[in-house]
Amino acid sequence: MNLDRFRIDDGRHIPNLVIDEDATHAAGQERYTITCSCGRMPNFNPASREDSLTLHLGHVGIYLAPPKGGRMPLGLRLVLLVTAMLAVAVGFYLGGLAVVDTYTLAEGQAAAVRAISMLTGLTFAFALMVAVRRYIAPTRA
């Protein structure tokens, strides 16, 4: 599997590799010209197809690189997300227990309040995960 394909498969950086007929005729061998669909890649005339694609990957690496400084590692972001999700879920569950104790509910009512509070907590925890997914693991440039 070519993992570099996924690195550039964002729809903004598609290589446009063509054989330069003038340079090919003058040099007597195939010459390529590579450009990028983003329009920001300088015009290079590499000697081979592999060199062309290597230059394009270098260009993409510049534009898809994470911002310098200030970004936490992925593992730390995941730990913070899981901690926040657990805090939300446990907070709702403890809130449900407080309601049961405050109103001294019967067994059936207490079980229903505990179940509803736990489901609500999980719903809000996963909604938090969806809300911050672009910060946790950005996939686009």
Protein backbone atom coordinates (compact mmCIF):
# COMPACT_ATOMS: atom_id res chain seq x y z
CA MET A 1 0.00 0.00 0.00
CA ASN A 2 1.33 3.42 -0.94
CA LEU A 3 0.87 5.61 2.12
CA ASP A 4 2.04 8.74 0.28
CA ARG A 5 -1.20 8.61 -1.73
CA PHE A 6 -3.19 9.28 1.44
CA ARG A 7 -0.91 12.16 2.31
CA ILE A 8 -1.90 14.01 -0.85
CA ASP A 9 -5.45 12.72 -1.32
CA ASP A 10 -7.19 15.86 -0.08
CA GLY A 11 -8.42 17.06 -3.48
CA ARG A 12 -6.25 20.20 -3.42
CA HIS A 13 -2.88 18.74 -4.39
CA ILE A 14 -3.33 16.58 -7.46
CA PRO A 15 -0.20 16.19 -9.57
CA ASN A 16 -0.40 17.11 -13.25
CA LEU A 17 2.42 15.21 -14.92
CA VAL A 18 2.92 15.74 -18.65
CA ILE A 19 5.65 14.89 -21.12
CA ASP A 20 7.25 18.10 -22.37
CA GLU A 21 7.46 17.47 -26.10
CA ASP A 22 9.82 20.35 -26.85
CA ALA A 23 12.33 19.32 -24.18
CA THR A 24 11.95 15.66 -25.17
CA HIS A 25 12.70 16.44 -28.81
CA ALA A 26 15.69 18.62 -27.91
CA ALA A 27 17.20 16.15 -25.41
CA GLY A 28 16.38 12.99 -27.33
CA GLN A 29 14.74 11.37 -24.30
CA GLU A 30 11.50 11.85 -22.38
CA ARG A 31 11.35 15.01 -20.28
CA TYR A 32 8.53 15.69 -17.88
CA THR A 33 6.84 18.78 -16.53
CA ILE A 34 5.02 18.60 -13.21
CA THR A 35 2.52 21.07 -11.81
CA CYS A 36 0.06 20.90 -8.94
CA SER A 37 -3.66 21.56 -8.97
CA CYS A 38 -3.24 24.08 -6.13
CA GLY A 39 -1.34 26.40 -8.51
CA ARG A 40 1.39 27.18 -5.97
CA MET A 41 4.02 24.69 -7.11
CA PRO A 42 6.96 26.19 -9.00
CA ASN A 43 7.43 24.90 -12.51
CA PHE A 44 10.10 22.17 -12.49
CA ASN A 45 11.46 20.13 -15.38
CA PRO A 46 12.73 16.94 -13.73
CA ALA A 47 14.55 14.27 -15.69
CA SER A 48 12.33 11.27 -14.93
CA ARG A 49 8.80 10.39 -13.87
CA GLU A 50 10.00 9.32 -10.41
CA ASP A 51 11.80 12.64 -9.92
CA SER A 52 8.60 14.44 -10.90
CA LEU A 53 6.51 12.63 -8.33
CA THR A 54 9.21 13.08 -5.69
CA LEU A 55 9.19 16.84 -6.31
CA HIS A 56 5.40 16.88 -6.02
CA LEU A 57 5.50 14.97 -2.71
CA GLY A 58 8.04 17.49 -1.44
CA HIS A 59 5.72 20.35 -2.43
CA VAL A 60 2.76 18.65 -0.75
CA GLY A 61 4.80 18.03 2.39
CA ILE A 62 5.41 21.76 2.71
CA TYR A 63 1.73 22.68 2.45
CA LEU A 64 0.34 19.80 4.52
CA ALA A 65 2.88 20.01 7.33
CA PRO A 66 1.41 20.80 10.74
CA PRO A 67 1.80 24.37 11.96
CA LYS A 68 5.04 25.08 13.74
CA GLY A 69 4.83 25.08 17.52
CA GLY A 70 1.79 25.09 19.77
CA ARG A 71 0.35 21.79 18.62
CA MET A 72 0.15 19.00 21.13
CA PRO A 73 1.06 15.46 20.09
CA LEU A 74 -1.80 13.27 18.92
CA GLY A 75 -1.53 10.96 21.94
CA LEU A 76 -1.94 13.84 24.38
CA ARG A 77 -4.94 15.20 22.46
CA LEU A 78 -6.58 11.75 22.58
CA VAL A 79 -5.93 11.44 26.33
CA LEU A 80 -7.49 14.87 26.91
CA LEU A 81 -10.50 13.94 24.77
CA VAL A 82 -11.10 10.67 26.61
CA THR A 83 -10.71 12.43 29.96
CA ALA A 84 -13.23 15.10 28.97
CA MET A 85 -15.66 12.47 27.66
CA LEU A 86 -15.41 10.50 30.91
CA ALA A 87 -15.89 13.67 32.96
CA VAL A 88 -19.06 14.53 31.01
CA ALA A 89 -20.50 11.00 31.24
CA VAL A 90 -19.69 10.61 34.94
CA GLY A 91 -20.99 14.11 35.68
CA PHE A 92 -24.37 13.31 34.15
CA TYR A 93 -24.52 9.98 35.99
CA LEU A 94 -23.70 11.63 39.32
CA GLY A 95 -26.33 14.26 38.56
CA GLY A 96 -28.85 11.46 38.06
CA LEU A 97 -27.83 9.91 41.40
CA ALA A 98 -28.26 13.30 43.08
CA VAL A 99 -31.79 13.57 41.64
CA VAL A 100 -32.62 10.08 42.94
CA ASP A 101 -31.34 10.96 46.42
CA THR A 102 -32.98 14.39 46.49
CA TYR A 103 -36.45 13.19 45.54
CA THR A 104 -36.18 9.75 47.23
CA LEU A 105 -37.58 7.98 44.20
CA ALA A 106 -38.92 4.43 44.21
CA GLU A 107 -36.84 1.59 42.73
CA GLY A 108 -38.38 1.67 39.25
CA GLN A 109 -38.22 5.44 39.02
CA ALA A 110 -34.66 5.51 40.40
CA ALA A 111 -33.52 2.94 37.82
CA ALA A 112 -35.14 4.94 35.03
CA VAL A 113 -33.49 8.19 36.16
CA ARG A 114 -30.09 6.47 36.43
CA ALA A 115 -30.46 4.94 32.95
CA ILE A 116 -31.62 8.20 31.39
CA SER A 117 -28.83 10.18 33.05
CA MET A 118 -26.22 7.67 31.86
CA LEU A 119 -27.56 7.69 28.29
CA THR A 120 -27.68 11.48 28.31
CA GLY A 121 -24.11 11.62 29.60
CA LEU A 122 -22.91 9.26 26.87
CA THR A 123 -24.79 11.25 24.24
CA PHE A 124 -23.16 14.49 25.33
CA ALA A 125 -19.74 12.81 25.60
CA PHE A 126 -19.91 11.54 22.03
CA ALA A 127 -21.30 14.88 20.85
CA LEU A 128 -18.19 16.45 22.39
CA MET A 129 -16.04 13.99 20.47
CA VAL A 130 -17.75 14.90 17.19
CA ALA A 131 -17.46 18.61 17.94
CA VAL A 132 -13.68 18.50 18.45
CA ARG A 133 -12.78 15.84 15.87
CA ARG A 134 -11.12 18.35 13.55
CA TYR A 135 -8.84 19.52 16.32
CA ILE A 136 -7.98 16.01 17.53
CA ALA A 137 -7.03 14.54 14.15
CA PRO A 138 -7.04 17.07 11.31
CA THR A 139 -7.21 15.44 7.90
CA ARG A 140 -7.18 18.37 5.52
CA ALA A 141 -4.64 21.04 4.73
